[in-house]
């Protein structure tokens, strides 16, 4: 976002592991 650092939103591996999400989303 403007004026903010880049932050992680969500990730997922190619092997079908459980996704992870940042708390705000």
PDBML (XML) file of the C-alpha atoms, coordinates in Angstrom:
<?xml version="1.0" encoding="UTF-8" ?>
<PDBx:datablock datablockName="MODEL"
   xmlns:PDBx="http://pdbml.pdb.org/schema/pdbx-v50.xsd"
   xmlns:xsi="http://www.w3.org/2001/XMLSchema-instance"
   xsi:schemaLocation="http://pdbml.pdb.org/schema/pdbx-v50.xsd pdbx-v50.xsd">
   <PDBx:atom_siteCategory>
      <PDBx:atom_site id="1">
         <PDBx:B_iso_or_equiv>0.00</PDBx:B_iso_or_equiv>
         <PDBx:Cartn_x>0.000</PDBx:Cartn_x>
         <PDBx:Cartn_y>0.000</PDBx:Cartn_y>
         <PDBx:Cartn_z>0.000</PDBx:Cartn_z>
         <PDBx:auth_asym_id>A</PDBx:auth_asym_id>
         <PDBx:auth_atom_id>CA</PDBx:auth_atom_id>
         <PDBx:auth_comp_id>UNK</PDBx:auth_comp_id>
         <PDBx:auth_seq_id>1</PDBx:auth_seq_id>
         <PDBx:group_PDB>ATOM</PDBx:group_PDB>
         <PDBx:label_alt_id xsi:nil="true" />
         <PDBx:label_asym_id>A</PDBx:label_asym_id>
         <PDBx:label_atom_id>CA</PDBx:label_atom_id>
         <PDBx:label_comp_id>UNK</PDBx:label_comp_id>
         <PDBx:label_entity_id>1</PDBx:label_entity_id>
         <PDBx:label_seq_id>1</PDBx:label_seq_id>
         <PDBx:occupancy>1.00</PDBx:occupancy>
         <PDBx:pdbx_PDB_model_num>1</PDBx:pdbx_PDB_model_num>
         <PDBx:type_symbol>C</PDBx:type_symbol>
      </PDBx:atom_site>
      <PDBx:atom_site id="2">
         <PDBx:B_iso_or_equiv>0.00</PDBx:B_iso_or_equiv>
         <PDBx:Cartn_x>1.135</PDBx:Cartn_x>
         <PDBx:Cartn_y>3.604</PDBx:Cartn_y>
         <PDBx:Cartn_z>-0.445</PDBx:Cartn_z>
         <PDBx:auth_asym_id>A</PDBx:auth_asym_id>
         <PDBx:auth_atom_id>CA</PDBx:auth_atom_id>
         <PDBx:auth_comp_id>UNK</PDBx:auth_comp_id>
         <PDBx:auth_seq_id>2</PDBx:auth_seq_id>
         <PDBx:group_PDB>ATOM</PDBx:group_PDB>
         <PDBx:label_alt_id xsi:nil="true" />
         <PDBx:label_asym_id>A</PDBx:label_asym_id>
         <PDBx:label_atom_id>CA</PDBx:label_atom_id>
         <PDBx:label_comp_id>UNK</PDBx:label_comp_id>
         <PDBx:label_entity_id>1</PDBx:label_entity_id>
         <PDBx:label_seq_id>2</PDBx:label_seq_id>
         <PDBx:occupancy>1.00</PDBx:occupancy>
         <PDBx:pdbx_PDB_model_num>1</PDBx:pdbx_PDB_model_num>
         <PDBx:type_symbol>C</PDBx:type_symbol>
      </PDBx:atom_site>
      <PDBx:atom_site id="3">
         <PDBx:B_iso_or_equiv>0.00</PDBx:B_iso_or_equiv>
         <PDBx:Cartn_x>3.609</PDBx:Cartn_x>
         <PDBx:Cartn_y>4.559</PDBx:Cartn_y>
         <PDBx:Cartn_z>2.239</PDBx:Cartn_z>
         <PDBx:auth_asym_id>A</PDBx:auth_asym_id>
         <PDBx:auth_atom_id>CA</PDBx:auth_atom_id>
         <PDBx:auth_comp_id>UNK</PDBx:auth_comp_id>
         <PDBx:auth_seq_id>3</PDBx:auth_seq_id>
         <PDBx:group_PDB>ATOM</PDBx:group_PDB>
         <PDBx:label_alt_id xsi:nil="true" />
         <PDBx:label_asym_id>A</PDBx:label_asym_id>
         <PDBx:label_atom_id>CA</PDBx:label_atom_id>
         <PDBx:label_comp_id>UNK</PDBx:label_comp_id>
         <PDBx:label_entity_id>1</PDBx:label_entity_id>
         <PDBx:label_seq_id>3</PDBx:label_seq_id>
         <PDBx:occupancy>1.00</PDBx:occupancy>
         <PDBx:pdbx_PDB_model_num>1</PDBx:pdbx_PDB_model_num>
         <PDBx:type_symbol>C</PDBx:type_symbol>
      </PDBx:atom_site>
      <PDBx:atom_site id="4">
         <PDBx:B_iso_or_equiv>0.00</PDBx:B_iso_or_equiv>
         <PDBx:Cartn_x>3.850</PDBx:Cartn_x>
         <PDBx:Cartn_y>1.032</PDBx:Cartn_y>
         <PDBx:Cartn_z>3.590</PDBx:Cartn_z>
         <PDBx:auth_asym_id>A</PDBx:auth_asym_id>
         <PDBx:auth_atom_id>CA</PDBx:auth_atom_id>
         <PDBx:auth_comp_id>UNK</PDBx:auth_comp_id>
         <PDBx:auth_seq_id>4</PDBx:auth_seq_id>
         <PDBx:group_PDB>ATOM</PDBx:group_PDB>
         <PDBx:label_alt_id xsi:nil="true" />
         <PDBx:label_asym_id>A</PDBx:label_asym_id>
         <PDBx:label_atom_id>CA</PDBx:label_atom_id>
         <PDBx:label_comp_id>UNK</PDBx:label_comp_id>
         <PDBx:label_entity_id>1</PDBx:label_entity_id>
         <PDBx:label_seq_id>4</PDBx:label_seq_id>
         <PDBx:occupancy>1.00</PDBx:occupancy>
         <PDBx:pdbx_PDB_model_num>1</PDBx:pdbx_PDB_model_num>
         <PDBx:type_symbol>C</PDBx:type_symbol>
      </PDBx:atom_site>
      <PDBx:atom_site id="5">
         <PDBx:B_iso_or_equiv>0.00</PDBx:B_iso_or_equiv>
         <PDBx:Cartn_x>6.228</PDBx:Cartn_x>
         <PDBx:Cartn_y>-1.878</PDBx:Cartn_y>
         <PDBx:Cartn_z>3.305</PDBx:Cartn_z>
         <PDBx:auth_asym_id>A</PDBx:auth_asym_id>
         <PDBx:auth_atom_id>CA</PDBx:auth_atom_id>
         <PDBx:auth_comp_id>UNK</PDBx:auth_comp_id>
         <PDBx:auth_seq_id>5</PDBx:auth_seq_id>
         <PDBx:group_PDB>ATOM</PDBx:group_PDB>
         <PDBx:label_alt_id xsi:nil="true" />
         <PDBx:label_asym_id>A</PDBx:label_asym_id>
         <PDBx:label_atom_id>CA</PDBx:label_atom_id>
         <PDBx:label_comp_id>UNK</PDBx:label_comp_id>
         <PDBx:label_entity_id>1</PDBx:label_entity_id>
         <PDBx:label_seq_id>5</PDBx:label_seq_id>
         <PDBx:occupancy>1.00</PDBx:occupancy>
         <PDBx:pdbx_PDB_model_num>1</PDBx:pdbx_PDB_model_num>
         <PDBx:type_symbol>C</PDBx:type_symbol>
      </PDBx:atom_site>
      <PDBx:atom_site id="6">
         <PDBx:B_iso_or_equiv>0.00</PDBx:B_iso_or_equiv>
         <PDBx:Cartn_x>5.438</PDBx:Cartn_x>
         <PDBx:Cartn_y>-4.820</PDBx:Cartn_y>
         <PDBx:Cartn_z>1.106</PDBx:Cartn_z>
         <PDBx:auth_asym_id>A</PDBx:auth_asym_id>
         <PDBx:auth_atom_id>CA</PDBx:auth_atom_id>
         <PDBx:auth_comp_id>UNK</PDBx:auth_comp_id>
         <PDBx:auth_seq_id>6</PDBx:auth_seq_id>
         <PDBx:group_PDB>ATOM</PDBx:group_PDB>
         <PDBx:label_alt_id xsi:nil="true" />
         <PDBx:label_asym_id>A</PDBx:label_asym_id>
         <PDBx:label_atom_id>CA</PDBx:label_atom_id>
         <PDBx:label_comp_id>UNK</PDBx:label_comp_id>
         <PDBx:label_entity_id>1</PDBx:label_entity_id>
         <PDBx:label_seq_id>6</PDBx:label_seq_id>
         <PDBx:occupancy>1.00</PDBx:occupancy>
         <PDBx:pdbx_PDB_model_num>1</PDBx:pdbx_PDB_model_num>
         <PDBx:type_symbol>C</PDBx:type_symbol>
      </PDBx:atom_site>
      <PDBx:atom_site id="7">
         <PDBx:B_iso_or_equiv>0.00</PDBx:B_iso_or_equiv>
         <PDBx:Cartn_x>3.674</PDBx:Cartn_x>
         <PDBx:Cartn_y>-7.490</PDBx:Cartn_y>
         <PDBx:Cartn_z>3.135</PDBx:Cartn_z>
         <PDBx:auth_asym_id>A</PDBx:auth_asym_id>
         <PDBx:auth_atom_id>CA</PDBx:auth_atom_id>
         <PDBx:auth_comp_id>UNK</PDBx:auth_comp_id>
         <PDBx:auth_seq_id>7</PDBx:auth_seq_id>
         <PDBx:group_PDB>ATOM</PDBx:group_PDB>
         <PDBx:label_alt_id xsi:nil="true" />
         <PDBx:label_asym_id>A</PDBx:label_asym_id>
         <PDBx:label_atom_id>CA</PDBx:label_atom_id>
         <PDBx:label_comp_id>UNK</PDBx:label_comp_id>
         <PDBx:label_entity_id>1</PDBx:label_entity_id>
         <PDBx:label_seq_id>7</PDBx:label_seq_id>
         <PDBx:occupancy>1.00</PDBx:occupancy>
         <PDBx:pdbx_PDB_model_num>1</PDBx:pdbx_PDB_model_num>
         <PDBx:type_symbol>C</PDBx:type_symbol>
      </PDBx:atom_site>
      <PDBx:atom_site id="8">
         <PDBx:B_iso_or_equiv>0.00</PDBx:B_iso_or_equiv>
         <PDBx:Cartn_x>2.826</PDBx:Cartn_x>
         <PDBx:Cartn_y>-11.124</PDBx:Cartn_y>
         <PDBx:Cartn_z>2.721</PDBx:Cartn_z>
         <PDBx:auth_asym_id>A</PDBx:auth_asym_id>
         <PDBx:auth_atom_id>CA</PDBx:auth_atom_id>
         <PDBx:auth_comp_id>UNK</PDBx:auth_comp_id>
         <PDBx:auth_seq_id>8</PDBx:auth_seq_id>
         <PDBx:group_PDB>ATOM</PDBx:group_PDB>
         <PDBx:label_alt_id xsi:nil="true" />
         <PDBx:label_asym_id>A</PDBx:label_asym_id>
         <PDBx:label_atom_id>CA</PDBx:label_atom_id>
         <PDBx:label_comp_id>UNK</PDBx:label_comp_id>
         <PDBx:label_entity_id>1</PDBx:label_entity_id>
         <PDBx:label_seq_id>8</PDBx:label_seq_id>
         <PDBx:occupancy>1.00</PDBx:occupancy>
         <PDBx:pdbx_PDB_model_num>1</PDBx:pdbx_PDB_model_num>
         <PDBx:type_symbol>C</PDBx:type_symbol>
      </PDBx:atom_site>
      <PDBx:atom_site id="9">
         <PDBx:B_iso_or_equiv>0.00</PDBx:B_iso_or_equiv>
         <PDBx:Cartn_x>-0.803</PDBx:Cartn_x>
         <PDBx:Cartn_y>-11.905</PDBx:Cartn_y>
         <PDBx:Cartn_z>1.902</PDBx:Cartn_z>
         <PDBx:auth_asym_id>A</PDBx:auth_asym_id>
         <PDBx:auth_atom_id>CA</PDBx:auth_atom_id>
         <PDBx:auth_comp_id>UNK</PDBx:auth_comp_id>
         <PDBx:auth_seq_id>9</PDBx:auth_seq_id>
         <PDBx:group_PDB>ATOM</PDBx:group_PDB>
         <PDBx:label_alt_id xsi:nil="true" />
         <PDBx:label_asym_id>A</PDBx:label_asym_id>
         <PDBx:label_atom_id>CA</PDBx:label_atom_id>
         <PDBx:label_comp_id>UNK</PDBx:label_comp_id>
         <PDBx:label_entity_id>1</PDBx:label_entity_id>
         <PDBx:label_seq_id>9</PDBx:label_seq_id>
         <PDBx:occupancy>1.00</PDBx:occupancy>
         <PDBx:pdbx_PDB_model_num>1</PDBx:pdbx_PDB_model_num>
         <PDBx:type_symbol>C</PDBx:type_symbol>
      </PDBx:atom_site>
      <PDBx:atom_site id="10">
         <PDBx:B_iso_or_equiv>0.00</PDBx:B_iso_or_equiv>
         <PDBx:Cartn_x>-0.930</PDBx:Cartn_x>
         <PDBx:Cartn_y>-15.652</PDBx:Cartn_y>
         <PDBx:Cartn_z>1.292</PDBx:Cartn_z>
         <PDBx:auth_asym_id>A</PDBx:auth_asym_id>
         <PDBx:auth_atom_id>CA</PDBx:auth_atom_id>
         <PDBx:auth_comp_id>UNK</PDBx:auth_comp_id>
         <PDBx:auth_seq_id>10</PDBx:auth_seq_id>
         <PDBx:group_PDB>ATOM</PDBx:group_PDB>
         <PDBx:label_alt_id xsi:nil="true" />
         <PDBx:label_asym_id>A</PDBx:label_asym_id>
         <PDBx:label_atom_id>CA</PDBx:label_atom_id>
         <PDBx:label_comp_id>UNK</PDBx:label_comp_id>
         <PDBx:label_entity_id>1</PDBx:label_entity_id>
         <PDBx:label_seq_id>10</PDBx:label_seq_id>
         <PDBx:occupancy>1.00</PDBx:occupancy>
         <PDBx:pdbx_PDB_model_num>1</PDBx:pdbx_PDB_model_num>
         <PDBx:type_symbol>C</PDBx:type_symbol>
      </PDBx:atom_site>
      <PDBx:atom_site id="11">
         <PDBx:B_iso_or_equiv>0.00</PDBx:B_iso_or_equiv>
         <PDBx:Cartn_x>1.248</PDBx:Cartn_x>
         <PDBx:Cartn_y>-18.561</PDBx:Cartn_y>
         <PDBx:Cartn_z>0.185</PDBx:Cartn_z>
         <PDBx:auth_asym_id>A</PDBx:auth_asym_id>
         <PDBx:auth_atom_id>CA</PDBx:auth_atom_id>
         <PDBx:auth_comp_id>UNK</PDBx:auth_comp_id>
         <PDBx:auth_seq_id>11</PDBx:auth_seq_id>
         <PDBx:group_PDB>ATOM</PDBx:group_PDB>
         <PDBx:label_alt_id xsi:nil="true" />
         <PDBx:label_asym_id>A</PDBx:label_asym_id>
         <PDBx:label_atom_id>CA</PDBx:label_atom_id>
         <PDBx:label_comp_id>UNK</PDBx:label_comp_id>
         <PDBx:label_entity_id>1</PDBx:label_entity_id>
         <PDBx:label_seq_id>11</PDBx:label_seq_id>
         <PDBx:occupancy>1.00</PDBx:occupancy>
         <PDBx:pdbx_PDB_model_num>1</PDBx:pdbx_PDB_model_num>
         <PDBx:type_symbol>C</PDBx:type_symbol>
      </PDBx:atom_site>
      <PDBx:atom_site id="12">
         <PDBx:B_iso_or_equiv>0.00</PDBx:B_iso_or_equiv>
         <PDBx:Cartn_x>0.728</PDBx:Cartn_x>
         <PDBx:Cartn_y>-22.050</PDBx:Cartn_y>
         <PDBx:Cartn_z>-1.188</PDBx:Cartn_z>
         <PDBx:auth_asym_id>A</PDBx:auth_asym_id>
         <PDBx:auth_atom_id>CA</PDBx:auth_atom_id>
         <PDBx:auth_comp_id>UNK</PDBx:auth_comp_id>
         <PDBx:auth_seq_id>12</PDBx:auth_seq_id>
         <PDBx:group_PDB>ATOM</PDBx:group_PDB>
         <PDBx:label_alt_id xsi:nil="true" />
         <PDBx:label_asym_id>A</PDBx:label_asym_id>
         <PDBx:label_atom_id>CA</PDBx:label_atom_id>
         <PDBx:label_comp_id>UNK</PDBx:label_comp_id>
         <PDBx:label_entity_id>1</PDBx:label_entity_id>
         <PDBx:label_seq_id>12</PDBx:label_seq_id>
         <PDBx:occupancy>1.00</PDBx:occupancy>
         <PDBx:pdbx_PDB_model_num>1</PDBx:pdbx_PDB_model_num>
         <PDBx:type_symbol>C</PDBx:type_symbol>
      </PDBx:atom_site>
      <PDBx:atom_site id="13">
         <PDBx:B_iso_or_equiv>0.00</PDBx:B_iso_or_equiv>
         <PDBx:Cartn_x>3.107</PDBx:Cartn_x>
         <PDBx:Cartn_y>-24.814</PDBx:Cartn_y>
         <PDBx:Cartn_z>-2.187</PDBx:Cartn_z>
         <PDBx:auth_asym_id>A</PDBx:auth_asym_id>
         <PDBx:auth_atom_id>CA</PDBx:auth_atom_id>
         <PDBx:auth_comp_id>UNK</PDBx:auth_comp_id>
         <PDBx:auth_seq_id>13</PDBx:auth_seq_id>
         <PDBx:group_PDB>ATOM</PDBx:group_PDB>
         <PDBx:label_alt_id xsi:nil="true" />
         <PDBx:label_asym_id>A</PDBx:label_asym_id>
         <PDBx:label_atom_id>CA</PDBx:label_atom_id>
         <PDBx:label_comp_id>UNK</PDBx:label_comp_id>
         <PDBx:label_entity_id>1</PDBx:label_entity_id>
         <PDBx:label_seq_id>13</PDBx:label_seq_id>
         <PDBx:occupancy>1.00</PDBx:occupancy>
         <PDBx:pdbx_PDB_model_num>1</PDBx:pdbx_PDB_model_num>
         <PDBx:type_symbol>C</PDBx:type_symbol>
      </PDBx:atom_site>
      <PDBx:atom_site id="14">
         <PDBx:B_iso_or_equiv>0.00</PDBx:B_iso_or_equiv>
         <PDBx:Cartn_x>2.835</PDBx:Cartn_x>
         <PDBx:Cartn_y>-26.760</PDBx:Cartn_y>
         <PDBx:Cartn_z>-5.423</PDBx:Cartn_z>
         <PDBx:auth_asym_id>A</PDBx:auth_asym_id>
         <PDBx:auth_atom_id>CA</PDBx:auth_atom_id>
         <PDBx:auth_comp_id>UNK</PDBx:auth_comp_id>
         <PDBx:auth_seq_id>14</PDBx:auth_seq_id>
         <PDBx:group_PDB>ATOM</PDBx:group_PDB>
         <PDBx:label_alt_id xsi:nil="true" />
         <PDBx:label_asym_id>A</PDBx:label_asym_id>
         <PDBx:label_atom_id>CA</PDBx:label_atom_id>
         <PDBx:label_comp_id>UNK</PDBx:label_comp_id>
         <PDBx:label_entity_id>1</PDBx:label_entity_id>
         <PDBx:label_seq_id>14</PDBx:label_seq_id>
         <PDBx:occupancy>1.00</PDBx:occupancy>
         <PDBx:pdbx_PDB_model_num>1</PDBx:pdbx_PDB_model_num>
         <PDBx:type_symbol>C</PDBx:type_symbol>
      </PDBx:atom_site>
      <PDBx:atom_site id="15">
         <PDBx:B_iso_or_equiv>0.00</PDBx:B_iso_or_equiv>
         <PDBx:Cartn_x>2.362</PDBx:Cartn_x>
         <PDBx:Cartn_y>-30.037</PDBx:Cartn_y>
         <PDBx:Cartn_z>-3.561</PDBx:Cartn_z>
         <PDBx:auth_asym_id>A</PDBx:auth_asym_id>
         <PDBx:auth_atom_id>CA</PDBx:auth_atom_id>
         <PDBx:auth_comp_id>UNK</PDBx:auth_comp_id>
         <PDBx:auth_seq_id>15</PDBx:auth_seq_id>
         <PDBx:group_PDB>ATOM</PDBx:group_PDB>
         <PDBx:label_alt_id xsi:nil="true" />
         <PDBx:label_asym_id>A</PDBx:label_asym_id>
         <PDBx:label_atom_id>CA</PDBx:label_atom_id>
         <PDBx:label_comp_id>UNK</PDBx:label_comp_id>
         <PDBx:label_entity_id>1</PDBx:label_entity_id>
         <PDBx:label_seq_id>15</PDBx:label_seq_id>
         <PDBx:occupancy>1.00</PDBx:occupancy>
         <PDBx:pdbx_PDB_model_num>1</PDBx:pdbx_PDB_model_num>
         <PDBx:type_symbol>C</PDBx:type_symbol>
      </PDBx:atom_site>
      <PDBx:atom_site id="16">
         <PDBx:B_iso_or_equiv>0.00</PDBx:B_iso_or_equiv>
         <PDBx:Cartn_x>-1.067</PDBx:Cartn_x>
         <PDBx:Cartn_y>-29.289</PDBx:Cartn_y>
         <PDBx:Cartn_z>-2.167</PDBx:Cartn_z>
         <PDBx:auth_asym_id>A</PDBx:auth_asym_id>
         <PDBx:auth_atom_id>CA</PDBx:auth_atom_id>
         <PDBx:auth_comp_id>UNK</PDBx:auth_comp_id>
         <PDBx:auth_seq_id>16</PDBx:auth_seq_id>
         <PDBx:group_PDB>ATOM</PDBx:group_PDB>
         <PDBx:label_alt_id xsi:nil="true" />
         <PDBx:label_asym_id>A</PDBx:label_asym_id>
         <PDBx:label_atom_id>CA</PDBx:label_atom_id>
         <PDBx:label_comp_id>UNK</PDBx:label_comp_id>
         <PDBx:label_entity_id>1</PDBx:label_entity_id>
         <PDBx:label_seq_id>16</PDBx:label_seq_id>
         <PDBx:occupancy>1.00</PDBx:occupancy>
         <PDBx:pdbx_PDB_model_num>1</PDBx:pdbx_PDB_model_num>
         <PDBx:type_symbol>C</PDBx:type_symbol>
      </PDBx:atom_site>
      <PDBx:atom_site id="17">
         <PDBx:B_iso_or_equiv>0.00</PDBx:B_iso_or_equiv>
         <PDBx:Cartn_x>-0.054</PDBx:Cartn_x>
         <PDBx:Cartn_y>-28.227</PDBx:Cartn_y>
         <PDBx:Cartn_z>1.314</PDBx:Cartn_z>
         <PDBx:auth_asym_id>A</PDBx:auth_asym_id>
         <PDBx:auth_atom_id>CA</PDBx:auth_atom_id>
         <PDBx:auth_comp_id>UNK</PDBx:auth_comp_id>
         <PDBx:auth_seq_id>17</PDBx:auth_seq_id>
         <PDBx:group_PDB>ATOM</PDBx:group_PDB>
         <PDBx:label_alt_id xsi:nil="true" />
         <PDBx:label_asym_id>A</PDBx:label_asym_id>
         <PDBx:label_atom_id>CA</PDBx:label_atom_id>
         <PDBx:label_comp_id>UNK</PDBx:label_comp_id>
         <PDBx:label_entity_id>1</PDBx:label_entity_id>
         <PDBx:label_seq_id>17</PDBx:label_seq_id>
         <PDBx:occupancy>1.00</PDBx:occupancy>
         <PDBx:pdbx_PDB_model_num>1</PDBx:pdbx_PDB_model_num>
         <PDBx:type_symbol>C</PDBx:type_symbol>
      </PDBx:atom_site>
      <PDBx:atom_site id="18">
         <PDBx:B_iso_or_equiv>0.00</PDBx:B_iso_or_equiv>
         <PDBx:Cartn_x>-2.290</PDBx:Cartn_x>
         <PDBx:Cartn_y>-26.093</PDBx:Cartn_y>
         <PDBx:Cartn_z>3.448</PDBx:Cartn_z>
         <PDBx:auth_asym_id>A</PDBx:auth_asym_id>
         <PDBx:auth_atom_id>CA</PDBx:auth_atom_id>
         <PDBx:auth_comp_id>UNK</PDBx:auth_comp_id>
         <PDBx:auth_seq_id>18</PDBx:auth_seq_id>
         <PDBx:group_PDB>ATOM</PDBx:group_PDB>
         <PDBx:label_alt_id xsi:nil="true" />
         <PDBx:label_asym_id>A</PDBx:label_asym_id>
         <PDBx:label_atom_id>CA</PDBx:label_atom_id>
         <PDBx:label_comp_id>UNK</PDBx:label_comp_id>
         <PDBx:label_entity_id>1</PDBx:label_entity_id>
         <PDBx:label_seq_id>18</PDBx:label_seq_id>
         <PDBx:occupancy>1.00</PDBx:occupancy>
         <PDBx:pdbx_PDB_model_num>1</PDBx:pdbx_PDB_model_num>
         <PDBx:type_symbol>C</PDBx:type_symbol>
      </PDBx:atom_site>
      <PDBx:atom_site id="19">
         <PDBx:B_iso_or_equiv>0.00</PDBx:B_iso_or_equiv>
         <PDBx:Cartn_x>-2.266</PDBx:Cartn_x>
         <PDBx:Cartn_y>-22.468</PDBx:Cartn_y>
         <PDBx:Cartn_z>2.420</PDBx:Cartn_z>
         <PDBx:auth_asym_id>A</PDBx:auth_asym_id>
         <PDBx:auth_atom_id>CA</PDBx:auth_atom_id>
         <PDBx:auth_comp_id>UNK</PDBx:auth_comp_id>
         <PDBx:auth_seq_id>19</PDBx:auth_seq_id>
         <PDBx:group_PDB>ATOM</PDBx:group_PDB>
         <PDBx:label_alt_id xsi:nil="true" />
         <PDBx:label_asym_id>A</PDBx:label_asym_id>
         <PDBx:label_atom_id>CA</PDBx:label_atom_id>
         <PDBx:label_comp_id>UNK</PDBx:label_comp_id>
         <PDBx:label_entity_id>1</PDBx:label_entity_id>
         <PDBx:label_seq_id>19</PDBx:label_seq_id>
         <PDBx:occupancy>1.00</PDBx:occupancy>
         <PDBx:pdbx_PDB_model_num>1</PDBx:pdbx_PDB_model_num>
         <PDBx:type_symbol>C</PDBx:type_symbol>
      </PDBx:atom_site>
      <PDBx:atom_site id="20">
         <PDBx:B_iso_or_equiv>0.00</PDBx:B_iso_or_equiv>
         <PDBx:Cartn_x>-1.267</PDBx:Cartn_x>
         <PDBx:Cartn_y>-19.749</PDBx:Cartn_y>
         <PDBx:Cartn_z>4.819</PDBx:Cartn_z>
         <PDBx:auth_asym_id>A</PDBx:auth_asym_id>
         <PDBx:auth_atom_id>CA</PDBx:auth_atom_id>
         <PDBx:auth_comp_id>UNK</PDBx:auth_comp_id>
         <PDBx:auth_seq_id>20</PDBx:auth_seq_id>
         <PDBx:group_PDB>ATOM</PDBx:group_PDB>
         <PDBx:label_alt_id xsi:nil="true" />
         <PDBx:label_asym_id>A</PDBx:label_asym_id>
         <PDBx:label_atom_id>CA</PDBx:label_atom_id>
         <PDBx:label_comp_id>UNK</PDBx:label_comp_id>
         <PDBx:label_entity_id>1</PDBx:label_entity_id>
         <PDBx:label_seq_id>20</PDBx:label_seq_id>
         <PDBx:occupancy>1.00</PDBx:occupancy>
         <PDBx:pdbx_PDB_model_num>1</PDBx:pdbx_PDB_model_num>
         <PDBx:type_symbol>C</PDBx:type_symbol>
      </PDBx:atom_site>
      <PDBx:atom_site id="21">
         <PDBx:B_iso_or_equiv>0.00</PDBx:B_iso_or_equiv>
         <PDBx:Cartn_x>-2.774</PDBx:Cartn_x>
         <PDBx:Cartn_y>-16.299</PDBx:Cartn_y>
         <PDBx:Cartn_z>5.163</PDBx:Cartn_z>
         <PDBx:auth_asym_id>A</PDBx:auth_asym_id>
         <PDBx:auth_atom_id>CA</PDBx:auth_atom_id>
         <PDBx:auth_comp_id>UNK</PDBx:auth_comp_id>
         <PDBx:auth_seq_id>21</PDBx:auth_seq_id>
         <PDBx:group_PDB>ATOM</PDBx:group_PDB>
         <PDBx:label_alt_id xsi:nil="true" />
         <PDBx:label_asym_id>A</PDBx:label_asym_id>
         <PDBx:label_atom_id>CA</PDBx:label_atom_id>
         <PDBx:label_comp_id>UNK</PDBx:label_comp_id>
         <PDBx:label_entity_id>1</PDBx:label_entity_id>
         <PDBx:label_seq_id>21</PDBx:label_seq_id>
         <PDBx:occupancy>1.00</PDBx:occupancy>
         <PDBx:pdbx_PDB_model_num>1</PDBx:pdbx_PDB_model_num>
         <PDBx:type_symbol>C</PDBx:type_symbol>
      </PDBx:atom_site>
      <PDBx:atom_site id="22">
         <PDBx:B_iso_or_equiv>0.00</PDBx:B_iso_or_equiv>
         <PDBx:Cartn_x>-1.887</PDBx:Cartn_x>
         <PDBx:Cartn_y>-13.065</PDBx:Cartn_y>
         <PDBx:Cartn_z>6.820</PDBx:Cartn_z>
         <PDBx:auth_asym_id>A</PDBx:auth_asym_id>
         <PDBx:auth_atom_id>CA</PDBx:auth_atom_id>
         <PDBx:auth_comp_id>UNK</PDBx:auth_comp_id>
         <PDBx:auth_seq_id>22</PDBx:auth_seq_id>
         <PDBx:group_PDB>ATOM</PDBx:group_PDB>
         <PDBx:label_alt_id xsi:nil="true" />
         <PDBx:label_asym_id>A</PDBx:label_asym_id>
         <PDBx:label_atom_id>CA</PDBx:label_atom_id>
         <PDBx:label_comp_id>UNK</PDBx:label_comp_id>
         <PDBx:label_entity_id>1</PDBx:label_entity_id>
         <PDBx:label_seq_id>22</PDBx:label_seq_id>
         <PDBx:occupancy>1.00</PDBx:occupancy>
         <PDBx:pdbx_PDB_model_num>1</PDBx:pdbx_PDB_model_num>
         <PDBx:type_symbol>C</PDBx:type_symbol>
      </PDBx:atom_site>
      <PDBx:atom_site id="23">
         <PDBx:B_iso_or_equiv>0.00</PDBx:B_iso_or_equiv>
         <PDBx:Cartn_x>-4.226</PDBx:Cartn_x>
         <PDBx:Cartn_y>-12.191</PDBx:Cartn_y>
         <PDBx:Cartn_z>9.656</PDBx:Cartn_z>
         <PDBx:auth_asym_id>A</PDBx:auth_asym_id>
         <PDBx:auth_atom_id>CA</PDBx:auth_atom_id>
         <PDBx:auth_comp_id>UNK</PDBx:auth_comp_id>
         <PDBx:auth_seq_id>23</PDBx:auth_seq_id>
         <PDBx:group_PDB>ATOM</PDBx:group_PDB>
         <PDBx:label_alt_id xsi:nil="true" />
         <PDBx:label_asym_id>A</PDBx:label_asym_id>
         <PDBx:label_atom_id>CA</PDBx:label_atom_id>
         <PDBx:label_comp_id>UNK</PDBx:label_comp_id>
         <PDBx:label_entity_id>1</PDBx:label_entity_id>
         <PDBx:label_seq_id>23</PDBx:label_seq_id>
         <PDBx:occupancy>1.00</PDBx:occupancy>
         <PDBx:pdbx_PDB_model_num>1</PDBx:pdbx_PDB_model_num>
         <PDBx:type_symbol>C</PDBx:type_symbol>
      </PDBx:atom_site>
      <PDBx:atom_site id="24">
         <PDBx:B_iso_or_equiv>0.00</PDBx:B_iso_or_equiv>
         <PDBx:Cartn_x>-5.823</PDBx:Cartn_x>
         <PDBx:Cartn_y>-9.153</PDBx:Cartn_y>
         <PDBx:Cartn_z>7.968</PDBx:Cartn_z>
         <PDBx:auth_asym_id>A</PDBx:auth_asym_id>
         <PDBx:auth_atom_id>CA</PDBx:auth_atom_id>
         <PDBx:auth_comp_id>UNK</PDBx:auth_comp_id>
         <PDBx:auth_seq_id>24</PDBx:auth_seq_id>
         <PDBx:group_PDB>ATOM</PDBx:group_PDB>
         <PDBx:label_alt_id xsi:nil="true" />
         <PDBx:label_asym_id>A</PDBx:label_asym_id>
         <PDBx:label_atom_id>CA</PDBx:label_atom_id>
         <PDBx:label_comp_id>UNK</PDBx:label_comp_id>
         <PDBx:label_entity_id>1</PDBx:label_entity_id>
         <PDBx:label_seq_id>24</PDBx:label_seq_id>
         <PDBx:occupancy>1.00</PDBx:occupancy>
         <PDBx:pdbx_PDB_model_num>1</PDBx:pdbx_PDB_model_num>
         <PDBx:type_symbol>C</PDBx:type_symbol>
      </PDBx:atom_site>
      <PDBx:atom_site id="25">
         <PDBx:B_iso_or_equiv>0.00</PDBx:B_iso_or_equiv>
         <PDBx:Cartn_x>-7.094</PDBx:Cartn_x>
         <PDBx:Cartn_y>-11.265</PDBx:Cartn_y>
         <PDBx:Cartn_z>5.062</PDBx:Cartn_z>
         <PDBx:auth_asym_id>A</PDBx:auth_asym_id>
         <PDBx:auth_atom_id>CA</PDBx:auth_atom_id>
         <PDBx:auth_comp_id>UNK</PDBx:auth_comp_id>
         <PDBx:auth_seq_id>25</PDBx:auth_seq_id>
         <PDBx:group_PDB>ATOM</PDBx:group_PDB>
         <PDBx:label_alt_id xsi:nil="true" />
         <PDBx:label_asym_id>A</PDBx:label_asym_id>
         <PDBx:label_atom_id>CA</PDBx:label_atom_id>
         <PDBx:label_comp_id>UNK</PDBx:label_comp_id>
         <PDBx:label_entity_id>1</PDBx:label_entity_id>
         <PDBx:label_seq_id>25</PDBx:label_seq_id>
         <PDBx:occupancy>1.00</PDBx:occupancy>
         <PDBx:pdbx_PDB_model_num>1</PDBx:pdbx_PDB_model_num>
         <PDBx:type_symbol>C</PDBx:type_symbol>
      </PDBx:atom_site>
   </PDBx:atom_siteCategory>
</PDBx:datablock>
